[in-house]
N, C-alpha and C. Protein backbone atom coordinates (compact mmCIF):
# COMPACT_ATOMS: atom_id res chain seq x y z
N UNK A 1 124.90 93.93 144.96
CA UNK A 1 124.76 92.81 144.03
C UNK A 1 123.38 92.80 143.39
N UNK A 2 123.32 92.33 142.16
CA UNK A 2 122.05 92.21 141.47
C UNK A 2 121.30 91.02 142.04
N UNK A 3 120.04 91.24 142.37
CA UNK A 3 119.24 90.13 142.89
C UNK A 3 117.79 90.34 142.51
N UNK A 4 117.10 89.27 142.32
CA UNK A 4 115.68 89.28 142.03
C UNK A 4 114.95 88.91 143.30
N UNK A 5 114.04 89.77 143.71
CA UNK A 5 113.28 89.51 144.93
C UNK A 5 111.89 89.05 144.54
N UNK A 6 111.52 87.87 144.96
CA UNK A 6 110.19 87.33 144.71
C UNK A 6 109.41 87.45 146.01
N UNK A 7 108.28 88.11 145.95
CA UNK A 7 107.47 88.31 147.14
C UNK A 7 106.44 87.20 147.30
N UNK A 8 106.06 86.97 148.51
CA UNK A 8 105.03 85.97 148.79
C UNK A 8 103.73 86.38 148.12
N UNK A 9 102.94 85.38 147.73
CA UNK A 9 101.65 85.65 147.12
C UNK A 9 100.81 86.49 148.07
N UNK A 10 100.15 87.52 147.52
CA UNK A 10 99.33 88.38 148.35
C UNK A 10 100.06 89.60 148.88
N UNK A 11 101.38 89.63 148.72
CA UNK A 11 102.16 90.78 149.15
C UNK A 11 102.59 91.57 147.93
N UNK A 12 101.86 92.62 147.57
CA UNK A 12 102.24 93.38 146.37
C UNK A 12 103.56 94.11 146.57
N UNK A 13 104.30 94.23 145.49
CA UNK A 13 105.55 94.97 145.50
C UNK A 13 105.25 96.36 144.98
N UNK A 14 105.26 97.35 145.85
CA UNK A 14 104.91 98.72 145.47
C UNK A 14 105.88 99.34 144.48
N UNK A 15 107.07 98.78 144.37
CA UNK A 15 108.04 99.33 143.43
C UNK A 15 107.68 99.01 141.98
N UNK A 16 106.86 98.00 141.75
CA UNK A 16 106.50 97.58 140.40
C UNK A 16 104.99 97.45 140.27
N UNK A 17 104.28 98.59 140.17
CA UNK A 17 102.83 98.49 140.03
C UNK A 17 102.47 97.67 138.78
N UNK A 18 101.55 96.79 138.91
CA UNK A 18 101.14 95.95 137.79
C UNK A 18 101.86 94.61 137.74
N UNK A 19 102.93 94.45 138.49
CA UNK A 19 103.69 93.20 138.46
C UNK A 19 102.84 92.03 138.92
N UNK A 20 101.96 92.27 139.86
CA UNK A 20 101.11 91.19 140.37
C UNK A 20 100.19 90.66 139.26
N UNK A 21 99.73 91.56 138.37
CA UNK A 21 98.88 91.12 137.25
C UNK A 21 99.65 90.19 136.33
N UNK A 22 100.95 90.47 136.15
CA UNK A 22 101.79 89.59 135.33
C UNK A 22 101.92 88.23 136.00
N UNK A 23 102.20 88.25 137.30
CA UNK A 23 102.38 87.00 138.03
C UNK A 23 101.10 86.18 138.10
N UNK A 24 99.96 86.83 138.00
CA UNK A 24 98.68 86.13 138.03
C UNK A 24 98.20 85.75 136.62
N UNK A 25 98.97 86.12 135.60
CA UNK A 25 98.61 85.77 134.23
C UNK A 25 97.54 86.67 133.63
N UNK A 26 97.26 87.80 134.26
CA UNK A 26 96.25 88.73 133.74
C UNK A 26 96.76 89.57 132.58
N UNK A 27 98.08 89.74 132.51
CA UNK A 27 98.71 90.50 131.44
C UNK A 27 100.05 89.82 131.14
N UNK A 28 100.45 89.83 129.89
CA UNK A 28 101.73 89.19 129.54
C UNK A 28 102.89 90.08 129.98
N UNK A 29 104.02 89.48 130.20
CA UNK A 29 105.22 90.23 130.57
C UNK A 29 105.57 91.23 129.48
N UNK A 30 105.46 90.82 128.21
CA UNK A 30 105.77 91.72 127.10
C UNK A 30 104.87 92.96 127.12
N UNK A 31 103.57 92.77 127.36
CA UNK A 31 102.64 93.89 127.41
C UNK A 31 102.95 94.81 128.59
N UNK A 32 103.28 94.21 129.73
CA UNK A 32 103.62 95.00 130.91
C UNK A 32 104.86 95.85 130.66
N UNK A 33 105.89 95.24 130.09
CA UNK A 33 107.12 95.98 129.82
C UNK A 33 106.91 97.08 128.79
N UNK A 34 106.07 96.82 127.79
CA UNK A 34 105.75 97.82 126.79
C UNK A 34 105.04 99.02 127.43
N UNK A 35 104.11 98.75 128.35
CA UNK A 35 103.41 99.83 129.06
C UNK A 35 104.39 100.65 129.88
N UNK A 36 105.32 99.99 130.55
CA UNK A 36 106.30 100.70 131.38
C UNK A 36 107.22 101.56 130.50
N UNK A 37 107.66 101.00 129.38
CA UNK A 37 108.52 101.75 128.47
C UNK A 37 107.79 102.98 127.93
N UNK A 38 106.54 102.81 127.55
CA UNK A 38 105.75 103.93 127.04
C UNK A 38 105.63 105.03 128.09
N UNK A 39 105.36 104.66 129.32
CA UNK A 39 105.25 105.63 130.40
C UNK A 39 106.55 106.41 130.59
N UNK A 40 107.67 105.74 130.55
CA UNK A 40 108.97 106.40 130.72
C UNK A 40 109.25 107.35 129.56
N UNK A 41 108.96 106.92 128.34
CA UNK A 41 109.17 107.77 127.18
C UNK A 41 108.27 109.01 127.24
N UNK A 42 107.01 108.83 127.64
CA UNK A 42 106.09 109.96 127.77
C UNK A 42 106.59 110.95 128.82
N UNK A 43 107.07 110.43 129.94
CA UNK A 43 107.58 111.31 131.00
C UNK A 43 108.82 112.09 130.54
N UNK A 44 109.70 111.42 129.80
CA UNK A 44 110.89 112.10 129.29
C UNK A 44 110.49 113.22 128.33
N UNK A 45 109.51 112.96 127.47
CA UNK A 45 109.04 113.99 126.55
C UNK A 45 108.39 115.15 127.31
N UNK A 46 107.62 114.84 128.34
CA UNK A 46 107.00 115.91 129.15
C UNK A 46 108.05 116.78 129.80
N UNK A 47 109.08 116.17 130.37
CA UNK A 47 110.13 116.92 131.07
C UNK A 47 110.96 117.79 130.15
N UNK A 48 110.97 117.46 128.86
CA UNK A 48 111.77 118.22 127.89
C UNK A 48 110.89 119.01 126.92
N UNK A 49 109.63 119.23 127.28
CA UNK A 49 108.69 119.95 126.41
C UNK A 49 108.62 119.36 125.01
N UNK A 50 108.55 118.03 124.95
CA UNK A 50 108.44 117.28 123.69
C UNK A 50 109.64 117.43 122.77
N UNK A 51 110.79 117.72 123.32
CA UNK A 51 112.02 117.84 122.52
C UNK A 51 112.72 116.48 122.51
N UNK A 52 112.67 115.81 121.36
CA UNK A 52 113.15 114.43 121.26
C UNK A 52 114.63 114.27 121.58
N UNK A 53 115.46 115.15 121.07
CA UNK A 53 116.90 115.02 121.31
C UNK A 53 117.20 115.12 122.80
N UNK A 54 116.56 116.06 123.47
CA UNK A 54 116.79 116.22 124.91
C UNK A 54 116.22 115.04 125.69
N UNK A 55 115.05 114.54 125.28
CA UNK A 55 114.45 113.38 125.95
C UNK A 55 115.33 112.15 125.77
N UNK A 56 115.87 111.98 124.56
CA UNK A 56 116.76 110.86 124.29
C UNK A 56 118.00 110.93 125.19
N UNK A 57 118.59 112.10 125.28
CA UNK A 57 119.78 112.29 126.12
C UNK A 57 119.45 112.01 127.59
N UNK A 58 118.29 112.45 128.02
CA UNK A 58 117.86 112.22 129.40
C UNK A 58 117.83 110.72 129.73
N UNK A 59 117.47 109.91 128.74
CA UNK A 59 117.37 108.46 128.93
C UNK A 59 118.64 107.71 128.53
N UNK A 60 119.65 108.43 128.10
CA UNK A 60 120.91 107.78 127.71
C UNK A 60 120.83 107.09 126.36
N UNK A 61 119.94 107.59 125.50
CA UNK A 61 119.77 107.02 124.17
C UNK A 61 120.20 108.02 123.12
N UNK A 62 120.57 107.53 121.93
CA UNK A 62 120.76 108.47 120.84
C UNK A 62 119.39 108.70 120.18
N UNK A 63 119.31 109.71 119.32
CA UNK A 63 118.01 110.07 118.73
C UNK A 63 117.40 108.94 117.93
N UNK A 64 118.21 108.19 117.21
CA UNK A 64 117.70 107.07 116.42
C UNK A 64 117.07 106.01 117.32
N UNK A 65 117.75 105.67 118.41
CA UNK A 65 117.21 104.69 119.36
C UNK A 65 115.90 105.19 119.97
N UNK A 66 115.88 106.47 120.30
CA UNK A 66 114.69 107.06 120.91
C UNK A 66 113.50 107.01 119.96
N UNK A 67 113.75 107.39 118.70
CA UNK A 67 112.67 107.34 117.69
C UNK A 67 112.15 105.92 117.51
N UNK A 68 113.05 104.95 117.47
CA UNK A 68 112.64 103.55 117.34
C UNK A 68 111.73 103.15 118.50
N UNK A 69 112.12 103.51 119.71
CA UNK A 69 111.31 103.15 120.88
C UNK A 69 109.96 103.86 120.87
N UNK A 70 109.93 105.12 120.43
CA UNK A 70 108.65 105.82 120.30
C UNK A 70 107.72 105.08 119.35
N UNK A 71 108.28 104.67 118.22
CA UNK A 71 107.50 103.94 117.23
C UNK A 71 107.01 102.61 117.79
N UNK A 72 107.89 101.92 118.52
CA UNK A 72 107.57 100.61 119.09
C UNK A 72 106.38 100.66 120.05
N UNK A 73 106.27 101.76 120.81
CA UNK A 73 105.18 101.86 121.78
C UNK A 73 103.99 102.65 121.24
N UNK A 74 104.04 103.04 119.96
CA UNK A 74 102.90 103.70 119.34
C UNK A 74 102.85 105.20 119.54
N UNK A 75 103.98 105.83 119.86
CA UNK A 75 103.99 107.28 120.05
C UNK A 75 104.44 108.02 118.81
N UNK A 76 104.95 107.31 117.82
CA UNK A 76 105.25 107.85 116.51
C UNK A 76 105.98 109.17 116.45
N UNK A 77 105.37 110.14 115.79
CA UNK A 77 106.04 111.38 115.42
C UNK A 77 105.81 112.54 116.40
N UNK A 78 105.51 112.26 117.65
CA UNK A 78 105.22 113.32 118.61
C UNK A 78 106.46 114.16 118.93
N UNK A 79 106.30 115.47 118.98
CA UNK A 79 107.35 116.35 119.47
C UNK A 79 108.32 116.83 118.43
N UNK A 80 109.19 117.77 118.82
CA UNK A 80 110.21 118.31 117.95
C UNK A 80 111.51 117.55 118.13
N UNK A 81 112.44 117.78 117.23
CA UNK A 81 113.74 117.14 117.31
C UNK A 81 114.54 117.81 118.39
């Protein structure tokens, strides 16, 4: 079942690095999620030698969706199709 686990204050959740900063108001949730998305997109591009179509497929996205997300996180025109 889907469930949200809230940890006691002072107990960091190792599965979500940076989440404590969000909960403490040091970074906005939007900024945190954008950083996480950028990291995932960068990793997908690394694993596919910057091949966008393959990276998109790896993430279950079509090429148009992948390009949009690259643009959204500031990665723009990196890599081949």
